C-alpha atoms as a PDB file:
ATOM      1  CA  UNK A   1      12.446   9.595 -10.504  1.00  0.00           C
ATOM      2  CA  UNK A   2      10.606   8.543  -7.637  1.00  0.00           C
ATOM      3  CA  UNK A   3      12.142   5.616  -5.379  1.00  0.00           C
ATOM      4  CA  UNK A   4       9.712   3.792  -2.775  1.00  0.00           C
ATOM      5  CA  UNK A   5      10.884   1.487  -0.012  1.00  0.00           C
ATOM      6  CA  UNK A   6       8.295  -0.542   1.698  1.00  0.00           C
ATOM      7  CA  UNK A   7       8.381  -2.112   4.924  1.00  0.00           C
ATOM      8  CA  UNK A   8       6.248  -3.754   7.798  1.00  0.00           C
ATOM      9  CA  UNK A   9       5.238  -7.117   5.796  1.00  0.00           C
ATOM     10  CA  UNK A  10       5.363 -10.875   7.163  1.00  0.00           C
ATOM     11  CA  UNK A  11       3.299 -13.391   8.368  1.00  0.00           C
ATOM     12  CA  UNK A  12       0.315 -13.391  10.673  1.00  0.00           C
ATOM     13  CA  UNK A  13      -2.834 -15.547  11.542  1.00  0.00           C
ATOM     14  CA  UNK A  14      -6.180 -14.645  10.559  1.00  0.00           C
ATOM     15  CA  UNK A  15      -8.191 -11.885  12.527  1.00  0.00           C
ATOM     16  CA  UNK A  16      -4.265 -10.313  13.150  1.00  0.00           C
ATOM     17  CA  UNK A  17      -3.387  -6.714  11.977  1.00  0.00           C
ATOM     18  CA  UNK A  18      -0.603  -5.389  10.012  1.00  0.00           C
ATOM     19  CA  UNK A  19       0.912  -2.097   8.921  1.00  0.00           C
ATOM     20  CA  UNK A  20       2.866  -1.356   5.874  1.00  0.00           C
ATOM     21  CA  UNK A  21       4.640   1.794   5.225  1.00  0.00           C
ATOM     22  CA  UNK A  22       6.370   3.143   2.348  1.00  0.00           C
ATOM     23  CA  UNK A  23       8.869   5.722   2.113  1.00  0.00           C
ATOM     24  CA  UNK A  24       8.906   7.666  -0.865  1.00  0.00           C
ATOM     25  CA  UNK A  25      12.168   9.538  -2.370  1.00  0.00           C
ATOM     26  CA  UNK A  26      11.741  12.464  -5.255  1.00  0.00           C
ATOM     27  CA  UNK A  27      12.642  15.776  -5.638  1.00  0.00           C
ATOM     28  CA  UNK A  28      10.540  18.481  -3.776  1.00  0.00           C
ATOM     29  CA  UNK A  29       7.745  20.132  -5.311  1.00  0.00           C
ATOM     30  CA  UNK A  30       6.275  17.351  -7.261  1.00  0.00           C
ATOM     31  CA  UNK A  31       2.775  16.269  -6.278  1.00  0.00           C
ATOM     32  CA  UNK A  32       1.002  13.150  -7.041  1.00  0.00           C
ATOM     33  CA  UNK A  33      -1.452  10.361  -5.701  1.00  0.00           C
ATOM     34  CA  UNK A  34      -0.076   7.392  -3.297  1.00  0.00           C
ATOM     35  CA  UNK A  35      -1.158   4.270  -3.023  1.00  0.00           C
ATOM     36  CA  UNK A  36      -0.668   0.384  -2.443  1.00  0.00           C
ATOM     37  CA  UNK A  37      -1.413  -2.162  -5.000  1.00  0.00           C
ATOM     38  CA  UNK A  38      -1.241  -6.430  -4.511  1.00  0.00           C
ATOM     39  CA  UNK A  39      -0.570  -9.407  -6.333  1.00  0.00           C
ATOM     40  CA  UNK A  40      -1.381 -12.757  -5.185  1.00  0.00           C
ATOM     41  CA  UNK A  41       0.075 -16.100  -6.592  1.00  0.00           C
ATOM     42  CA  UNK A  42      -1.483 -16.662 -10.267  1.00  0.00           C
ATOM     43  CA  UNK A  43      -3.502 -13.480 -10.128  1.00  0.00           C
ATOM     44  CA  UNK A  44      -3.016 -10.292 -11.765  1.00  0.00           C
ATOM     45  CA  UNK A  45      -1.824  -6.982  -9.855  1.00  0.00           C
ATOM     46  CA  UNK A  46      -4.989  -5.077  -8.486  1.00  0.00           C
ATOM     47  CA  UNK A  47      -5.797  -1.906  -6.538  1.00  0.00           C
ATOM     48  CA  UNK A  48      -5.738  -2.242  -3.009  1.00  0.00           C
ATOM     49  CA  UNK A  49      -6.078   1.810  -1.644  1.00  0.00           C
ATOM     50  CA  UNK A  50      -5.219   5.043  -3.421  1.00  0.00           C
ATOM     51  CA  UNK A  51      -4.587   8.035  -1.517  1.00  0.00           C
ATOM     52  CA  UNK A  52      -4.519  11.779  -3.369  1.00  0.00           C
ATOM     53  CA  UNK A  53      -1.891  14.459  -2.211  1.00  0.00           C
ATOM     54  CA  UNK A  54      -4.107  16.756  -0.023  1.00  0.00           C
ATOM     55  CA  UNK A  55      -5.735  13.094   1.233  1.00  0.00           C
ATOM     56  CA  UNK A  56      -9.614  14.383   0.340  1.00  0.00           C
ATOM     57  CA  UNK A  57      -9.753  11.393  -2.250  1.00  0.00           C
ATOM     58  CA  UNK A  58      -9.358   7.883  -1.092  1.00  0.00           C
ATOM     59  CA  UNK A  59     -10.371   4.878  -3.171  1.00  0.00           C
ATOM     60  CA  UNK A  60     -10.188   1.307  -1.751  1.00  0.00           C
ATOM     61  CA  UNK A  61     -11.127  -2.029  -3.150  1.00  0.00           C
ATOM     62  CA  UNK A  62     -14.218  -3.109  -2.026  1.00  0.00           C
ATOM     63  CA  UNK A  63     -12.560  -6.576  -0.482  1.00  0.00           C
ATOM     64  CA  UNK A  64     -10.692  -4.249   2.067  1.00  0.00           C
ATOM     65  CA  UNK A  65     -13.200  -1.408   2.777  1.00  0.00           C
ATOM     66  CA  UNK A  66     -13.621  -1.399   6.202  1.00  0.00           C
ATOM     67  CA  UNK A  67     -10.532  -3.085   7.283  1.00  0.00           C
ATOM     68  CA  UNK A  68      -7.926  -1.490   5.904  1.00  0.00           C
ATOM     69  CA  UNK A  69      -6.777   2.449   6.315  1.00  0.00           C
ATOM     70  CA  UNK A  70      -4.583   4.169   4.076  1.00  0.00           C
ATOM     71  CA  UNK A  71      -2.901   7.297   5.031  1.00  0.00           C
ATOM     72  CA  UNK A  72      -0.045   9.769   3.964  1.00  0.00           C
ATOM     73  CA  UNK A  73       2.373  12.335   5.391  1.00  0.00           C
ATOM     74  CA  UNK A  74       3.800  14.617   2.737  1.00  0.00           C
ATOM     75  CA  UNK A  75       6.374  15.758   5.486  1.00  0.00           C
ATOM     76  CA  UNK A  76       7.952  12.504   6.247  1.00  0.00           C
ATOM     77  CA  UNK A  77       7.086  11.491   2.855  1.00  0.00           C
ATOM     78  CA  UNK A  78       5.081   8.197   3.682  1.00  0.00           C
ATOM     79  CA  UNK A  79       2.340   6.098   2.938  1.00  0.00           C
ATOM     80  CA  UNK A  80       1.050   3.558   5.135  1.00  0.00           C
ATOM     81  CA  UNK A  81      -1.674   0.994   4.786  1.00  0.00           C
ATOM     82  CA  UNK A  82      -3.070  -0.160   8.434  1.00  0.00           C
ATOM     83  CA  UNK A  83      -4.533  -3.927   7.686  1.00  0.00           C
ATOM     84  CA  UNK A  84      -7.148  -5.230  10.331  1.00  0.00           C
ATOM     85  CA  UNK A  85      -8.792  -8.320  10.545  1.00  0.00           C
ATOM     86  CA  UNK A  86      -6.513 -10.046   8.285  1.00  0.00           C
ATOM     87  CA  UNK A  87      -8.333 -12.886   5.984  1.00  0.00           C
ATOM     88  CA  UNK A  88      -6.242 -15.789   4.116  1.00  0.00           C
ATOM     89  CA  UNK A  89      -7.131 -13.779   0.793  1.00  0.00           C
ATOM     90  CA  UNK A  90      -4.887 -11.023   1.879  1.00  0.00           C
ATOM     91  CA  UNK A  91      -1.836 -13.121   1.033  1.00  0.00           C
ATOM     92  CA  UNK A  92       0.069 -11.453  -1.649  1.00  0.00           C
ATOM     93  CA  UNK A  93       3.091  -9.445  -2.577  1.00  0.00           C
ATOM     94  CA  UNK A  94       2.000  -5.600  -1.736  1.00  0.00           C
ATOM     95  CA  UNK A  95       3.682  -2.733  -3.905  1.00  0.00           C
ATOM     96  CA  UNK A  96       3.859   0.550  -3.149  1.00  0.00           C
ATOM     97  CA  UNK A  97       3.083   3.077  -5.973  1.00  0.00           C
ATOM     98  CA  UNK A  98       3.265   6.444  -6.542  1.00  0.00           C
ATOM     99  CA  UNK A  99       1.259   8.022  -9.479  1.00  0.00           C
ATOM    100  CA  UNK A 100       4.019  10.210 -10.781  1.00  0.00           C
ATOM    101  CA  UNK A 101       4.993  10.844 -14.227  1.00  0.00           C
ATOM    102  CA  UNK A 102       6.306   8.397 -14.650  1.00  0.00           C
ATOM    103  CA  UNK A 103       4.668   6.242 -12.485  1.00  0.00           C
ATOM    104  CA  UNK A 104       6.607   4.643  -9.820  1.00  0.00           C
ATOM    105  CA  UNK A 105       6.587   1.005  -7.693  1.00  0.00           C
ATOM    106  CA  UNK A 106       8.583  -0.166  -4.689  1.00  0.00           C
ATOM    107  CA  UNK A 107       9.912  -3.716  -5.050  1.00  0.00           C
ATOM    108  CA  UNK A 108       7.317  -5.736  -3.260  1.00  0.00           C
ATOM    109  CA  UNK A 109       6.417  -6.429   0.226  1.00  0.00           C
ATOM    110  CA  UNK A 110       5.079 -10.190   1.339  1.00  0.00           C
ATOM    111  CA  UNK A 111       2.049 -10.487   3.795  1.00  0.00           C
ATOM    112  CA  UNK A 112       1.118 -14.219   4.048  1.00  0.00           C
ATOM    113  CA  UNK A 113      -1.801 -14.661   6.357  1.00  0.00           C
ATOM    114  CA  UNK A 114      -2.637 -17.895   7.698  1.00  0.00           C
ATOM    115  CA  UNK A 115      -6.504 -19.432   8.341  1.00  0.00           C
END
């Protein structure tokens, strides 16, 4: 079963940048999408960005396009979310996701952006 551990969250000011990383533990040979979701207080969990195994297919939420960049390193087994020009509305718990069978979630990491 896939295990995911996020790191890099914290509290910043609007306009700042943060970089989230997720370490993936799994048996060799499995291929699947990786990505990030987030859940703000009182709201449902929503997709932020998804990246395919080869990185040729990437999906971003409209709200983060042009500000966030997702990438992955299959050798190091990591997926990263570079978040620039952060806004107060980006405040949420961010979850790493693996589109394996079954799907897997990280424990979540808090990102707080103050305006």
